[in-house]
Amino acid sequence: MVTFFIAYFTEDDLMTLHTAAGYSVLALISARLLWGFVGTQHARFKDFLYPLSTTKKYLQTIISGKALRYIGHNPAGGLMIIVLLITLFVISITGIMLYGVDNAGPFASIFNNSSQIFEDNLKETHDFFANFTLLLVALHISGVVIESLIHKENLIKAMITGLKRK
C-alpha cells in the first residue's frame, strides 16, 4: 500500500515518482497473484475465497458480536483482498493508458492520438478508482481493528509476521 500512497500523493507534482510508484503497484499485484497460487497456506486464494453467501453471513455475525475466528483470512478479509487487487489493477492499467496518451510508456503508440473525450473518461476512471481505493483501505483497517477487538488479538502484528495464535 505504500506504493499506492506514493502514487496517490504525487500525481501532478512529481510525475516521474508517480509513474514509478504506479509501475511498482502493478509489479506488486503480479507478485501477490503468483503468491496466491504458490504461497504459504493462508496466503493462497483457495484458503480464503468464500461464496458471497458465506461472506454475508460472516458480516452479520460481526454485527451481532459473534463472529467466528479464522486462523487465515476471514470471509470479509478474503473478499477485500480480491476487491483491492481489482481496483489497484484498474488504477494501474488506466494510469499506463493515460501515460500513453501523453506519448510515453508502453501504450504510447496506441493512445497518443486519442480524443479528448477518451482521455477525460480515462482520467475520470483512474481518479475514481484511486479515491475508491482510499475508502477500501479505510474499511480494511476498520475491519482489522474490529476483528482484533472481537477476538482480543493483534491482527496487525499477525499480518506483518505471518504468525497468529492457533
Foldseek 3Di string as FASTA:
>chain_A
DVLLVQLVVPPPPPPVSNLVSLVVLVVVLVVLVVCLPVNDDLSHLVNAADPVVQVVVQVVCLVVLNHDDDQHDYNVRSVLVVVLSVLSVLLSVLVQLLCLCVLDHPCVVPNVPPDPVVNVVSVVSNVVSSVVSVVSVVVNVVVQVSVCVSVVHNVVVCVVVVDDDD
